[in-house]
PDB file of all heavy atoms in Angstrom:
ATOM      1  N   GLU A   1      12.490   5.583  26.092  1.00  0.00           N
ATOM      2  CA  GLU A   1      12.734   6.392  24.929  1.00  0.00           C
ATOM      3  C   GLU A   1      11.419   6.722  24.331  1.00  0.00           C
ATOM      4  O   GLU A   1      10.481   6.013  24.243  1.00  0.00           O
ATOM      5  CB  GLU A   1      13.625   5.534  23.913  1.00  0.00           C
ATOM      6  CG  GLU A   1      12.993   4.354  23.483  1.00  0.00           C
ATOM      7  CD  GLU A   1      13.963   3.457  22.647  1.00  0.00           C
ATOM      8  OE1 GLU A   1      15.028   4.038  22.305  1.00  0.00           O
ATOM      9  OE2 GLU A   1      13.601   2.258  22.201  1.00  0.00           O
ATOM     10  N   GLN A   2      11.368   7.963  23.692  1.00  0.00           N
ATOM     11  CA  GLN A   2      10.122   8.385  22.985  1.00  0.00           C
ATOM     12  C   GLN A   2      10.174   7.688  21.604  1.00  0.00           C
ATOM     13  O   GLN A   2      11.092   7.418  21.054  1.00  0.00           O
ATOM     14  CB  GLN A   2      10.176   9.920  22.762  1.00  0.00           C
ATOM     15  CG  GLN A   2       8.940  10.451  22.225  1.00  0.00           C
ATOM     16  CD  GLN A   2       8.842  11.969  22.204  1.00  0.00           C
ATOM     17  OE1 GLN A   2       9.786  12.619  22.702  1.00  0.00           O
ATOM     18  NE2 GLN A   2       7.803  12.567  21.723  1.00  0.00           N
ATOM     19  N   VAL A   3       8.919   7.310  21.132  1.00  0.00           N
ATOM     20  CA  VAL A   3       8.718   6.709  19.878  1.00  0.00           C
ATOM     21  C   VAL A   3       7.757   7.663  18.966  1.00  0.00           C
ATOM     22  O   VAL A   3       6.763   8.035  19.258  1.00  0.00           O
ATOM     23  CB  VAL A   3       8.030   5.312  20.076  1.00  0.00           C
ATOM     24  CG1 VAL A   3       7.840   4.640  18.744  1.00  0.00           C
ATOM     25  CG2 VAL A   3       8.772   4.445  21.046  1.00  0.00           C
ATOM     26  N   ILE A   4       8.489   8.033  17.922  1.00  0.00           N
ATOM     27  CA  ILE A   4       7.758   8.884  16.993  1.00  0.00           C
ATOM     28  C   ILE A   4       7.642   8.107  15.610  1.00  0.00           C
ATOM     29  O   ILE A   4       8.379   8.273  14.654  1.00  0.00           O
ATOM     30  CB  ILE A   4       8.390  10.201  16.707  1.00  0.00           C
ATOM     31  CG1 ILE A   4       8.581  10.900  18.051  1.00  0.00           C
ATOM     32  CG2 ILE A   4       7.479  11.116  15.823  1.00  0.00           C
ATOM     33  CD1 ILE A   4       9.315  12.222  17.986  1.00  0.00           C
ATOM     34  N   ASP A   5       6.709   7.131  15.537  1.00  0.00           N
ATOM     35  CA  ASP A   5       6.418   6.305  14.479  1.00  0.00           C
ATOM     36  C   ASP A   5       5.016   6.592  13.856  1.00  0.00           C
ATOM     37  O   ASP A   5       4.066   6.239  14.541  1.00  0.00           O
ATOM     38  CB  ASP A   5       6.611   4.837  14.959  1.00  0.00           C
ATOM     39  CG  ASP A   5       6.648   3.870  13.779  1.00  0.00           C
ATOM     40  OD1 ASP A   5       6.671   4.297  12.652  1.00  0.00           O
ATOM     41  OD2 ASP A   5       6.684   2.635  14.042  1.00  0.00           O
ATOM     42  N   LYS A   6       5.034   7.222  12.734  1.00  0.00           N
ATOM     43  CA  LYS A   6       3.689   7.694  12.216  1.00  0.00           C
ATOM     44  C   LYS A   6       3.088   6.739  11.201  1.00  0.00           C
ATOM     45  O   LYS A   6       3.802   5.909  10.613  1.00  0.00           O
ATOM     46  CB  LYS A   6       3.936   9.077  11.480  1.00  0.00           C
ATOM     47  CG  LYS A   6       4.286  10.231  12.507  1.00  0.00           C
ATOM     48  CD  LYS A   6       4.271  11.526  11.985  1.00  0.00           C
ATOM     49  CE  LYS A   6       4.724  12.549  12.978  1.00  0.00           C
ATOM     50  NZ  LYS A   6       4.613  13.959  12.469  1.00  0.00           N
ATOM     51  N   ASN A   7       1.880   6.754  11.050  1.00  0.00           N
ATOM     52  CA  ASN A   7       1.034   5.803  10.242  1.00  0.00           C
ATOM     53  C   ASN A   7       1.035   6.448   8.721  1.00  0.00           C
ATOM     54  O   ASN A   7       0.069   6.472   8.219  1.00  0.00           O
ATOM     55  CB  ASN A   7      -0.412   5.838  10.824  1.00  0.00           C
ATOM     56  CG  ASN A   7      -1.267   4.746  10.153  1.00  0.00           C
ATOM     57  OD1 ASN A   7      -0.693   3.732   9.828  1.00  0.00           O
ATOM     58  ND2 ASN A   7      -2.462   5.097   9.945  1.00  0.00           N
ATOM     59  N   THR A   8       2.183   6.705   8.322  1.00  0.00           N
ATOM     60  CA  THR A   8       2.352   7.305   6.982  1.00  0.00           C
ATOM     61  C   THR A   8       1.819   6.410   5.865  1.00  0.00           C
ATOM     62  O   THR A   8       1.367   6.950   4.847  1.00  0.00           O
ATOM     63  CB  THR A   8       3.764   7.747   6.721  1.00  0.00           C
ATOM     64  OG1 THR A   8       4.648   6.691   6.943  1.00  0.00           O
ATOM     65  CG2 THR A   8       4.115   8.953   7.597  1.00  0.00           C
ATOM     66  N   ASP A   9       2.015   5.076   5.985  1.00  0.00           N
ATOM     67  CA  ASP A   9       1.576   4.188   4.922  1.00  0.00           C
ATOM     68  C   ASP A   9       0.127   3.692   5.067  1.00  0.00           C
ATOM     69  O   ASP A   9      -0.360   2.917   4.320  1.00  0.00           O
ATOM     70  CB  ASP A   9       2.504   3.028   4.777  1.00  0.00           C
ATOM     71  CG  ASP A   9       2.514   2.300   6.130  1.00  0.00           C
ATOM     72  OD1 ASP A   9       1.902   2.674   7.074  1.00  0.00           O
ATOM     73  OD2 ASP A   9       3.295   1.265   6.200  1.00  0.00           O
ATOM     74  N   LEU A  10      -0.609   4.313   6.004  1.00  0.00           N
ATOM     75  CA  LEU A  10      -1.995   3.974   6.287  1.00  0.00           C
ATOM     76  C   LEU A  10      -2.193   2.522   6.544  1.00  0.00           C
ATOM     77  O   LEU A  10      -3.247   1.992   6.211  1.00  0.00           O
ATOM     78  CB  LEU A  10      -2.913   4.542   5.203  1.00  0.00           C
ATOM     79  CG  LEU A  10      -2.964   6.074   5.095  1.00  0.00           C
ATOM     80  CD1 LEU A  10      -3.877   6.399   3.880  1.00  0.00           C
ATOM     81  CD2 LEU A  10      -3.521   6.667   6.300  1.00  0.00           C
ATOM     82  N   LYS A  11      -1.208   1.809   7.135  1.00  0.00           N
ATOM     83  CA  LYS A  11      -1.402   0.345   7.491  1.00  0.00           C
ATOM     84  C   LYS A  11      -2.425   0.227   8.529  1.00  0.00           C
ATOM     85  O   LYS A  11      -3.177  -0.829   8.571  1.00  0.00           O
ATOM     86  CB  LYS A  11      -0.033  -0.122   8.044  1.00  0.00           C
ATOM     87  CG  LYS A  11      -0.101  -1.605   8.370  1.00  0.00           C
ATOM     88  CD  LYS A  11       1.249  -1.982   8.924  1.00  0.00           C
ATOM     89  CE  LYS A  11       1.180  -3.526   9.365  1.00  0.00           C
ATOM     90  NZ  LYS A  11       2.585  -4.035   9.972  1.00  0.00           N
ATOM     91  N   TYR A  12      -2.657   1.183   9.441  1.00  0.00           N
ATOM     92  CA  TYR A  12      -3.620   1.082  10.445  1.00  0.00           C
ATOM     93  C   TYR A  12      -4.859   2.077  10.148  1.00  0.00           C
ATOM     94  O   TYR A  12      -4.567   3.198   9.703  1.00  0.00           O
ATOM     95  CB  TYR A  12      -2.959   1.375  11.818  1.00  0.00           C
ATOM     96  CG  TYR A  12      -1.775   0.534  12.147  1.00  0.00           C
ATOM     97  CD1 TYR A  12      -0.536   0.852  11.952  1.00  0.00           C
ATOM     98  CD2 TYR A  12      -2.104  -0.814  12.567  1.00  0.00           C
ATOM     99  CE1 TYR A  12       0.519  -0.028  12.214  1.00  0.00           C
ATOM    100  CE2 TYR A  12      -1.042  -1.740  12.857  1.00  0.00           C
ATOM    101  CZ  TYR A  12       0.252  -1.282  12.572  1.00  0.00           C
ATOM    102  OH  TYR A  12       1.215  -2.192  12.879  1.00  0.00           O
ATOM    103  N   ARG A  13      -5.996   1.540  10.428  1.00  0.00           N
ATOM    104  CA  ARG A  13      -7.229   2.301   9.955  1.00  0.00           C
ATOM    105  C   ARG A  13      -8.034   2.766  11.149  1.00  0.00           C
ATOM    106  O   ARG A  13      -7.539   2.642  12.297  1.00  0.00           O
ATOM    107  CB  ARG A  13      -8.058   1.217   9.096  1.00  0.00           C
ATOM    108  CG  ARG A  13      -7.347   0.784   7.824  1.00  0.00           C
ATOM    109  CD  ARG A  13      -7.137   1.927   6.891  1.00  0.00           C
ATOM    110  NE  ARG A  13      -6.480   1.477   5.670  1.00  0.00           N
ATOM    111  CZ  ARG A  13      -6.354   2.317   4.562  1.00  0.00           C
ATOM    112  NH1 ARG A  13      -6.834   3.540   4.524  1.00  0.00           N
ATOM    113  NH2 ARG A  13      -5.719   1.831   3.562  1.00  0.00           N
ATOM    114  N   LEU A  14      -9.288   3.205  10.954  1.00  0.00           N
ATOM    115  CA  LEU A  14     -10.072   3.708  11.900  1.00  0.00           C
ATOM    116  C   LEU A  14     -10.324   2.672  13.126  1.00  0.00           C
ATOM    117  O   LEU A  14     -10.476   3.146  14.241  1.00  0.00           O
ATOM    118  CB  LEU A  14     -11.486   4.101  11.432  1.00  0.00           C
ATOM    119  CG  LEU A  14     -11.484   5.567  10.874  1.00  0.00           C
ATOM    120  CD1 LEU A  14     -12.858   5.866  10.300  1.00  0.00           C
ATOM    121  CD2 LEU A  14     -11.209   6.604  11.965  1.00  0.00           C
ATOM    122  N   ASP A  15     -10.479   1.363  12.798  1.00  0.00           N
ATOM    123  CA  ASP A  15     -10.650   0.372  13.848  1.00  0.00           C
ATOM    124  C   ASP A  15      -9.564   0.308  14.781  1.00  0.00           C
ATOM    125  O   ASP A  15      -9.672  -0.215  15.978  1.00  0.00           O
ATOM    126  CB  ASP A  15     -10.914  -0.998  13.195  1.00  0.00           C
ATOM    127  CG  ASP A  15     -12.176  -1.061  12.431  1.00  0.00           C
ATOM    128  OD1 ASP A  15     -13.090  -0.190  12.654  1.00  0.00           O
ATOM    129  OD2 ASP A  15     -12.336  -2.085  11.595  1.00  0.00           O
ATOM    130  N   ASP A  16      -8.412   0.800  14.455  1.00  0.00           N
ATOM    131  CA  ASP A  16      -7.267   0.760  15.330  1.00  0.00           C
ATOM    132  C   ASP A  16      -6.945   2.023  16.109  1.00  0.00           C
ATOM    133  O   ASP A  16      -6.088   2.063  16.907  1.00  0.00           O
ATOM    134  CB  ASP A  16      -6.012   0.494  14.411  1.00  0.00           C
ATOM    135  CG  ASP A  16      -6.042  -0.747  13.605  1.00  0.00           C
ATOM    136  OD1 ASP A  16      -6.314  -1.728  14.085  1.00  0.00           O
ATOM    137  OD2 ASP A  16      -5.875  -0.649  12.284  1.00  0.00           O
ATOM    138  N   LEU A  17      -7.844   3.045  15.731  1.00  0.00           N
ATOM    139  CA  LEU A  17      -7.776   4.395  16.447  1.00  0.00           C
ATOM    140  C   LEU A  17      -8.177   4.326  17.838  1.00  0.00           C
ATOM    141  O   LEU A  17      -9.246   3.872  18.140  1.00  0.00           O
ATOM    142  CB  LEU A  17      -8.381   5.421  15.651  1.00  0.00           C
ATOM    143  CG  LEU A  17      -8.427   6.801  16.191  1.00  0.00           C
ATOM    144  CD1 LEU A  17      -6.926   7.358  16.214  1.00  0.00           C
ATOM    145  CD2 LEU A  17      -9.230   7.707  15.326  1.00  0.00           C
ATOM    146  N   LYS A  18      -7.355   4.769  18.813  1.00  0.00           N
ATOM    147  CA  LYS A  18      -7.815   4.802  20.182  1.00  0.00           C
ATOM    148  C   LYS A  18      -7.634   6.198  20.839  1.00  0.00           C
ATOM    149  O   LYS A  18      -6.875   6.995  20.415  1.00  0.00           O
ATOM    150  CB  LYS A  18      -6.916   3.876  21.079  1.00  0.00           C
ATOM    151  CG  LYS A  18      -7.098   2.389  20.665  1.00  0.00           C
ATOM    152  CD  LYS A  18      -8.470   1.799  20.908  1.00  0.00           C
ATOM    153  CE  LYS A  18      -8.578   0.410  20.493  1.00  0.00           C
ATOM    154  NZ  LYS A  18      -9.899  -0.140  20.789  1.00  0.00           N
ATOM    155  N   GLY A  19      -8.424   6.542  21.849  1.00  0.00           N
ATOM    156  CA  GLY A  19      -8.198   7.632  22.732  1.00  0.00           C
ATOM    157  C   GLY A  19      -7.717   7.133  24.165  1.00  0.00           C
ATOM    158  O   GLY A  19      -7.448   5.905  24.328  1.00  0.00           O
ATOM    159  N   LEU A  20      -7.449   7.974  25.021  1.00  0.00           N
ATOM    160  CA  LEU A  20      -6.982   7.704  26.332  1.00  0.00           C
ATOM    161  C   LEU A  20      -7.983   8.242  27.419  1.00  0.00           C
ATOM    162  O   LEU A  20      -8.571   9.270  27.281  1.00  0.00           O
ATOM    163  CB  LEU A  20      -5.590   8.289  26.632  1.00  0.00           C
ATOM    164  CG  LEU A  20      -4.495   7.934  25.590  1.00  0.00           C
ATOM    165  CD1 LEU A  20      -3.207   8.606  26.054  1.00  0.00           C
ATOM    166  CD2 LEU A  20      -4.281   6.450  25.507  1.00  0.00           C
ATOM    167  N   SER A  21      -8.044   7.564  28.457  1.00  0.00           N
ATOM    168  CA  SER A  21      -8.956   8.025  29.643  1.00  0.00           C
ATOM    169  C   SER A  21      -8.119   8.338  30.864  1.00  0.00           C
ATOM    170  O   SER A  21      -6.983   7.817  30.961  1.00  0.00           O
ATOM    171  CB  SER A  21     -10.080   6.993  29.914  1.00  0.00           C
ATOM    172  OG  SER A  21      -9.486   5.962  30.690  1.00  0.00           O
ATOM    173  N   VAL A  22      -8.685   9.003  31.791  1.00  0.00           N
ATOM    174  CA  VAL A  22      -7.949   9.307  33.021  1.00  0.00           C
ATOM    175  C   VAL A  22      -7.780   8.106  33.879  1.00  0.00           C
ATOM    176  O   VAL A  22      -7.161   7.949  34.938  1.00  0.00           O
ATOM    177  CB  VAL A  22      -8.703  10.447  33.823  1.00  0.00           C
ATOM    178  CG1 VAL A  22      -8.530  11.717  33.090  1.00  0.00           C
ATOM    179  CG2 VAL A  22     -10.087  10.119  34.092  1.00  0.00           C
ATOM    180  N   ASN A  23      -8.656   6.945  33.466  1.00  0.00           N
ATOM    181  CA  ASN A  23      -8.558   5.799  34.291  1.00  0.00           C
ATOM    182  C   ASN A  23      -7.363   4.828  33.771  1.00  0.00           C
ATOM    183  O   ASN A  23      -7.382   3.607  34.040  1.00  0.00           O
ATOM    184  CB  ASN A  23      -9.892   5.046  34.052  1.00  0.00           C
ATOM    185  CG  ASN A  23     -11.026   5.682  34.701  1.00  0.00           C
ATOM    186  OD1 ASN A  23     -10.950   6.234  35.853  1.00  0.00           O
ATOM    187  ND2 ASN A  23     -12.131   5.788  34.051  1.00  0.00           N
ATOM    188  N   LYS A  24      -6.492   5.401  32.989  1.00  0.00           N
ATOM    189  CA  LYS A  24      -5.303   4.733  32.534  1.00  0.00           C
ATOM    190  C   LYS A  24      -5.619   3.561  31.582  1.00  0.00           C
ATOM    191  O   LYS A  24      -4.959   2.567  31.646  1.00  0.00           O
ATOM    192  CB  LYS A  24      -4.425   4.259  33.684  1.00  0.00           C
ATOM    193  CG  LYS A  24      -4.175   5.347  34.741  1.00  0.00           C
ATOM    194  CD  LYS A  24      -3.157   6.313  34.350  1.00  0.00           C
ATOM    195  CE  LYS A  24      -2.601   7.259  35.558  1.00  0.00           C
ATOM    196  NZ  LYS A  24      -3.623   8.064  36.062  1.00  0.00           N
ATOM    197  N   THR A  25      -6.565   3.844  30.680  1.00  0.00           N
ATOM    198  CA  THR A  25      -6.989   2.780  29.688  1.00  0.00           C
ATOM    199  C   THR A  25      -6.972   3.363  28.327  1.00  0.00           C
ATOM    200  O   THR A  25      -7.331   4.617  28.156  1.00  0.00           O
ATOM    201  CB  THR A  25      -8.281   2.084  30.026  1.00  0.00           C
ATOM    202  OG1 THR A  25      -9.270   3.011  30.151  1.00  0.00           O
ATOM    203  CG2 THR A  25      -8.120   1.315  31.353  1.00  0.00           C
ATOM    204  N   PHE A  26      -6.884   2.586  27.269  1.00  0.00           N
ATOM    205  CA  PHE A  26      -7.151   3.005  25.827  1.00  0.00           C
ATOM    206  C   PHE A  26      -8.675   2.834  25.744  1.00  0.00           C
ATOM    207  O   PHE A  26      -9.254   1.855  26.228  1.00  0.00           O
ATOM    208  CB  PHE A  26      -6.438   2.113  24.887  1.00  0.00           C
ATOM    209  CG  PHE A  26      -4.955   2.392  24.832  1.00  0.00           C
ATOM    210  CD1 PHE A  26      -4.015   1.649  25.418  1.00  0.00           C
ATOM    211  CD2 PHE A  26      -4.519   3.462  24.028  1.00  0.00           C
ATOM    212  CE1 PHE A  26      -2.691   1.819  25.358  1.00  0.00           C
ATOM    213  CE2 PHE A  26      -3.153   3.706  23.862  1.00  0.00           C
ATOM    214  CZ  PHE A  26      -2.303   2.981  24.631  1.00  0.00           C
ATOM    215  N   ILE A  27      -9.281   3.836  25.039  1.00  0.00           N
ATOM    216  CA  ILE A  27     -10.703   3.742  24.871  1.00  0.00           C
ATOM    217  C   ILE A  27     -11.008   4.065  23.363  1.00  0.00           C
ATOM    218  O   ILE A  27     -10.183   4.478  22.693  1.00  0.00           O
ATOM    219  CB  ILE A  27     -11.557   4.761  25.762  1.00  0.00           C
ATOM    220  CG1 ILE A  27     -10.975   6.217  25.389  1.00  0.00           C
ATOM    221  CG2 ILE A  27     -11.384   4.446  27.198  1.00  0.00           C
ATOM    222  CD1 ILE A  27     -11.650   7.297  26.169  1.00  0.00           C
ATOM    223  N   GLU A  28     -12.289   3.744  22.937  1.00  0.00           N
ATOM    224  CA  GLU A  28     -12.581   4.111  21.637  1.00  0.00           C
ATOM    225  C   GLU A  28     -12.698   5.725  21.411  1.00  0.00           C
ATOM    226  O   GLU A  28     -13.223   6.251  22.468  1.00  0.00           O
ATOM    227  CB  GLU A  28     -14.019   3.500  21.279  1.00  0.00           C
ATOM    228  CG  GLU A  28     -14.126   2.053  21.310  1.00  0.00           C
ATOM    229  CD  GLU A  28     -13.057   1.401  20.473  1.00  0.00           C
ATOM    230  OE1 GLU A  28     -12.853   1.770  19.299  1.00  0.00           O
ATOM    231  OE2 GLU A  28     -12.462   0.379  20.894  1.00  0.00           O
ATOM    232  N   THR A  29     -12.144   6.144  20.414  1.00  0.00           N
ATOM    233  CA  THR A  29     -12.134   7.603  20.244  1.00  0.00           C
ATOM    234  C   THR A  29     -13.561   8.170  20.141  1.00  0.00           C
ATOM    235  O   THR A  29     -14.436   7.651  19.628  1.00  0.00           O
ATOM    236  CB  THR A  29     -11.266   8.021  19.090  1.00  0.00           C
ATOM    237  OG1 THR A  29     -11.095   9.448  18.939  1.00  0.00           O
ATOM    238  CG2 THR A  29     -11.818   7.589  17.694  1.00  0.00           C
ATOM    239  N   LYS A  30     -13.681   9.433  20.685  1.00  0.00           N
ATOM    240  CA  LYS A  30     -14.932  10.157  20.582  1.00  0.00           C
ATOM    241  C   LYS A  30     -14.828  11.379  19.521  1.00  0.00           C
ATOM    242  O   LYS A  30     -15.770  12.050  19.341  1.00  0.00           O
ATOM    243  CB  LYS A  30     -15.220  10.798  21.969  1.00  0.00           C
ATOM    244  CG  LYS A  30     -15.454   9.770  23.056  1.00  0.00           C
ATOM    245  CD  LYS A  30     -15.708  10.491  24.463  1.00  0.00           C
ATOM    246  CE  LYS A  30     -15.866   9.431  25.519  1.00  0.00           C
ATOM    247  NZ  LYS A  30     -16.038  10.048  26.853  1.00  0.00           N
ATOM    248  N   ALA A  31     -13.689  11.369  18.889  1.00  0.00           N
ATOM    249  CA  ALA A  31     -13.429  12.490  17.942  1.00  0.00           C
ATOM    250  C   ALA A  31     -14.264  12.210  16.650  1.00  0.00           C
ATOM    251  O   ALA A  31     -14.450  11.022  16.197  1.00  0.00           O
ATOM    252  CB  ALA A  31     -11.970  12.571  17.661  1.00  0.00           C
ATOM    253  N   ASP A  32     -14.648  13.297  15.972  1.00  0.00           N
ATOM    254  CA  ASP A  32     -15.153  13.257  14.635  1.00  0.00           C
ATOM    255  C   ASP A  32     -14.188  12.992  13.594  1.00  0.00           C
ATOM    256  O   ASP A  32     -13.335  13.912  13.306  1.00  0.00           O
ATOM    257  CB  ASP A  32     -16.095  14.460  14.379  1.00  0.00           C
ATOM    258  CG  ASP A  32     -16.727  14.384  13.064  1.00  0.00           C
ATOM    259  OD1 ASP A  32     -16.686  13.369  12.378  1.00  0.00           O
ATOM    260  OD2 ASP A  32     -17.427  15.359  12.714  1.00  0.00           O
ATOM    261  N   MET A  33     -13.976  11.788  13.087  1.00  0.00           N
ATOM    262  CA  MET A  33     -12.947  11.539  12.080  1.00  0.00           C
ATOM    263  C   MET A  33     -13.294  11.646  10.597  1.00  0.00           C
ATOM    264  O   MET A  33     -12.634  11.242   9.795  1.00  0.00           O
ATOM    265  CB  MET A  33     -12.474  10.076  12.368  1.00  0.00           C
ATOM    266  CG  MET A  33     -11.924   9.855  13.759  1.00  0.00           C
ATOM    267  SD  MET A  33     -10.567  11.032  14.190  1.00  0.00           S
ATOM    268  CE  MET A  33      -9.380  10.525  13.000  1.00  0.00           C
ATOM    269  N   LEU A  34     -14.471  12.261  10.463  1.00  0.00           N
ATOM    270  CA  LEU A  34     -14.968  12.431   8.984  1.00  0.00           C
ATOM    271  C   LEU A  34     -13.979  13.370   8.219  1.00  0.00           C
ATOM    272  O   LEU A  34     -13.782  14.471   8.641  1.00  0.00           O
ATOM    273  CB  LEU A  34     -16.297  12.966   8.993  1.00  0.00           C
ATOM    274  CG  LEU A  34     -17.009  13.179   7.471  1.00  0.00           C
ATOM    275  CD1 LEU A  34     -17.104  11.751   6.932  1.00  0.00           C
ATOM    276  CD2 LEU A  34     -18.305  13.873   7.584  1.00  0.00           C
ATOM    277  N   GLY A  35     -13.362  12.795   7.144  1.00  0.00           N
ATOM    278  CA  GLY A  35     -12.426  13.548   6.367  1.00  0.00           C
ATOM    279  C   GLY A  35     -11.037  13.718   6.944  1.00  0.00           C
ATOM    280  O   GLY A  35     -10.233  14.592   6.337  1.00  0.00           O
ATOM    281  N   VAL A  36     -10.734  13.180   8.146  1.00  0.00           N
ATOM    282  CA  VAL A  36      -9.457  13.329   8.711  1.00  0.00           C
ATOM    283  C   VAL A  36      -8.411  12.379   8.307  1.00  0.00           C
ATOM    284  O   VAL A  36      -8.769  11.108   8.267  1.00  0.00           O
ATOM    285  CB  VAL A  36      -9.621  13.239  10.313  1.00  0.00           C
ATOM    286  CG1 VAL A  36      -8.286  13.401  10.969  1.00  0.00           C
ATOM    287  CG2 VAL A  36     -10.629  14.324  10.711  1.00  0.00           C
ATOM    288  N   SER A  37      -7.223  12.755   8.006  1.00  0.00           N
ATOM    289  CA  SER A  37      -6.217  11.859   7.424  1.00  0.00           C
ATOM    290  C   SER A  37      -5.576  11.174   8.645  1.00  0.00           C
ATOM    291  O   SER A  37      -5.187  11.754   9.701  1.00  0.00           O
ATOM    292  CB  SER A  37      -5.064  12.597   6.717  1.00  0.00           C
ATOM    293  OG  SER A  37      -3.983  11.744   6.440  1.00  0.00           O
ATOM    294  N   LEU A  38      -5.304   9.911   8.561  1.00  0.00           N
ATOM    295  CA  LEU A  38      -4.677   9.075   9.636  1.00  0.00           C
ATOM    296  C   LEU A  38      -3.226   9.067   9.507  1.00  0.00           C
ATOM    297  O   LEU A  38      -2.531   8.369  10.278  1.00  0.00           O
ATOM    298  CB  LEU A  38      -5.371   7.659   9.731  1.00  0.00           C
ATOM    299  CG  LEU A  38      -6.820   7.591  10.031  1.00  0.00           C
ATOM    300  CD1 LEU A  38      -7.211   6.135   9.986  1.00  0.00           C
ATOM    301  CD2 LEU A  38      -7.101   8.125  11.446  1.00  0.00           C
TER     302      LEU A  38
END
């Protein structure tokens, strides 16, 4: 089942943000998050 559970209450912060790799793992994000709402 698909899960659409958003971080609306900002419980999770930048330290919890992940990206994905083609090697099937979670990785540290490479995106510029300056000023971006989580």
